[in-house]
Amino acid sequence: MHGTTTSVAEVTNISRHGFWILMGDEELLLSYEQFPWFRQATVEQIVNVEWPAPDHLYWPSLDIDLSVSSIRRPEDFPLVSCA
């Protein structure tokens, strides 16, 4: 029986400036300045992350979807919502 394959993403560190997420052999920083939606999130909400597709991360308890490309190159995605 075939099912949905998902990769595992892991939050490795949280600081007052943001948090780091490990995806395979790549670790990326999500700064609260660039990603203000996470600023008031709890640790439990931040670590509850899913990686359903190569360029897609999802935090179900926060209802936040992000493109991995937007984390790698936030300057290419200038639109930021008010938190």
C-alpha atoms as a PDB file:
ATOM      1  CA  MET A   1       0.000   0.000   0.000  1.00  0.00           C
ATOM      2  CA  HIS A   2       1.356   3.411  -0.966  1.00  0.00           C
ATOM      3  CA  GLY A   3       0.971   6.401   1.315  1.00  0.00           C
ATOM      4  CA  THR A   4       2.067   9.999   1.434  1.00  0.00           C
ATOM      5  CA  THR A   5       5.792  10.385   1.903  1.00  0.00           C
ATOM      6  CA  THR A   6       6.878  13.251   4.103  1.00  0.00           C
ATOM      7  CA  SER A   7      10.325  14.317   5.209  1.00  0.00           C
ATOM      8  CA  VAL A   8      11.173  15.234   8.767  1.00  0.00           C
ATOM      9  CA  ALA A   9      12.035  18.798   9.707  1.00  0.00           C
ATOM     10  CA  GLU A  10      13.391  19.476  13.187  1.00  0.00           C
ATOM     11  CA  VAL A  11      13.705  22.710  15.138  1.00  0.00           C
ATOM     12  CA  THR A  12      17.207  22.555  16.620  1.00  0.00           C
ATOM     13  CA  ASN A  13      17.424  25.817  18.556  1.00  0.00           C
ATOM     14  CA  ILE A  14      15.183  28.693  19.617  1.00  0.00           C
ATOM     15  CA  SER A  15      16.526  32.071  20.750  1.00  0.00           C
ATOM     16  CA  ARG A  16      15.163  35.546  21.293  1.00  0.00           C
ATOM     17  CA  HIS A  17      16.151  36.362  17.679  1.00  0.00           C
ATOM     18  CA  GLY A  18      14.529  33.404  15.926  1.00  0.00           C
ATOM     19  CA  PHE A  19      14.887  29.678  15.511  1.00  0.00           C
ATOM     20  CA  TRP A  20      16.854  27.184  13.451  1.00  0.00           C
ATOM     21  CA  ILE A  21      15.266  24.365  11.527  1.00  0.00           C
ATOM     22  CA  LEU A  22      17.098  21.307  10.214  1.00  0.00           C
ATOM     23  CA  MET A  23      15.808  19.837   6.958  1.00  0.00           C
ATOM     24  CA  GLY A  24      17.914  16.903   5.824  1.00  0.00           C
ATOM     25  CA  ASP A  25      21.479  18.190   5.811  1.00  0.00           C
ATOM     26  CA  GLU A  26      20.502  21.889   5.625  1.00  0.00           C
ATOM     27  CA  GLU A  27      19.916  24.104   8.657  1.00  0.00           C
ATOM     28  CA  LEU A  28      18.180  27.459   8.186  1.00  0.00           C
ATOM     29  CA  LEU A  29      17.481  30.398  10.483  1.00  0.00           C
ATOM     30  CA  LEU A  30      14.002  31.870  10.672  1.00  0.00           C
ATOM     31  CA  SER A  31      14.524  35.253  12.300  1.00  0.00           C
ATOM     32  CA  TYR A  32      11.559  36.891  13.999  1.00  0.00           C
ATOM     33  CA  GLU A  33      12.410  40.064  12.092  1.00  0.00           C
ATOM     34  CA  GLN A  34      11.927  38.292   8.746  1.00  0.00           C
ATOM     35  CA  PHE A  35       9.146  35.946   9.974  1.00  0.00           C
ATOM     36  CA  PRO A  36       7.179  37.908  12.616  1.00  0.00           C
ATOM     37  CA  TRP A  37       4.350  35.342  12.721  1.00  0.00           C
ATOM     38  CA  PHE A  38       6.471  33.227  15.062  1.00  0.00           C
ATOM     39  CA  ARG A  39       7.414  35.993  17.514  1.00  0.00           C
ATOM     40  CA  GLN A  40       4.600  35.259  19.986  1.00  0.00           C
ATOM     41  CA  ALA A  41       4.415  31.504  19.335  1.00  0.00           C
ATOM     42  CA  THR A  42       5.094  29.015  22.088  1.00  0.00           C
ATOM     43  CA  VAL A  43       7.937  26.511  21.907  1.00  0.00           C
ATOM     44  CA  GLU A  44       5.354  23.760  21.436  1.00  0.00           C
ATOM     45  CA  GLN A  45       3.841  25.583  18.452  1.00  0.00           C
ATOM     46  CA  ILE A  46       7.224  26.252  16.833  1.00  0.00           C
ATOM     47  CA  VAL A  47       8.515  22.677  17.126  1.00  0.00           C
ATOM     48  CA  ASN A  48       5.262  21.278  15.712  1.00  0.00           C
ATOM     49  CA  VAL A  49       6.396  21.581  12.089  1.00  0.00           C
ATOM     50  CA  GLU A  50       5.658  19.385   9.090  1.00  0.00           C
ATOM     51  CA  TRP A  51       7.632  19.129   5.839  1.00  0.00           C
ATOM     52  CA  PRO A  52       5.093  17.702   3.369  1.00  0.00           C
ATOM     53  CA  ALA A  53       6.961  18.679   0.176  1.00  0.00           C
ATOM     54  CA  PRO A  54      10.525  19.718  -0.720  1.00  0.00           C
ATOM     55  CA  ASP A  55       9.661  23.450  -0.821  1.00  0.00           C
ATOM     56  CA  HIS A  56       6.867  23.501   1.762  1.00  0.00           C
ATOM     57  CA  LEU A  57       6.859  23.735   5.554  1.00  0.00           C
ATOM     58  CA  TYR A  58       3.684  23.822   7.622  1.00  0.00           C
ATOM     59  CA  TRP A  59       3.033  24.649  11.282  1.00  0.00           C
ATOM     60  CA  PRO A  60      -0.465  23.227  11.905  1.00  0.00           C
ATOM     61  CA  SER A  61      -0.983  24.719  15.355  1.00  0.00           C
ATOM     62  CA  LEU A  62      -0.202  28.191  13.956  1.00  0.00           C
ATOM     63  CA  ASP A  63      -1.741  27.626  10.496  1.00  0.00           C
ATOM     64  CA  ILE A  64       1.450  28.938   8.868  1.00  0.00           C
ATOM     65  CA  ASP A  65       2.663  27.702   5.474  1.00  0.00           C
ATOM     66  CA  LEU A  66       6.079  28.759   4.209  1.00  0.00           C
ATOM     67  CA  SER A  67       8.040  28.107   1.091  1.00  0.00           C
ATOM     68  CA  VAL A  68      11.548  26.845   1.912  1.00  0.00           C
ATOM     69  CA  SER A  69      12.735  29.248  -0.797  1.00  0.00           C
ATOM     70  CA  SER A  70      11.404  32.169   1.246  1.00  0.00           C
ATOM     71  CA  ILE A  71      13.551  31.046   4.195  1.00  0.00           C
ATOM     72  CA  ARG A  72      16.664  30.594   2.077  1.00  0.00           C
ATOM     73  CA  ARG A  73      16.223  33.958   0.324  1.00  0.00           C
ATOM     74  CA  PRO A  74      13.803  36.167   2.292  1.00  0.00           C
ATOM     75  CA  GLU A  75      14.932  39.202   0.289  1.00  0.00           C
ATOM     76  CA  ASP A  76      13.224  37.648  -2.758  1.00  0.00           C
ATOM     77  CA  PHE A  77       9.889  37.650  -0.874  1.00  0.00           C
ATOM     78  CA  PRO A  78       9.477  41.261   0.362  1.00  0.00           C
ATOM     79  CA  LEU A  79       5.819  41.095   1.346  1.00  0.00           C
ATOM     80  CA  VAL A  80       5.513  40.713   5.112  1.00  0.00           C
ATOM     81  CA  SER A  81       2.194  40.547   6.905  1.00  0.00           C
ATOM     82  CA  CYS A  82       1.678  42.504  10.114  1.00  0.00           C
ATOM     83  CA  ALA A  83       1.819  40.114  13.057  1.00  0.00           C
END
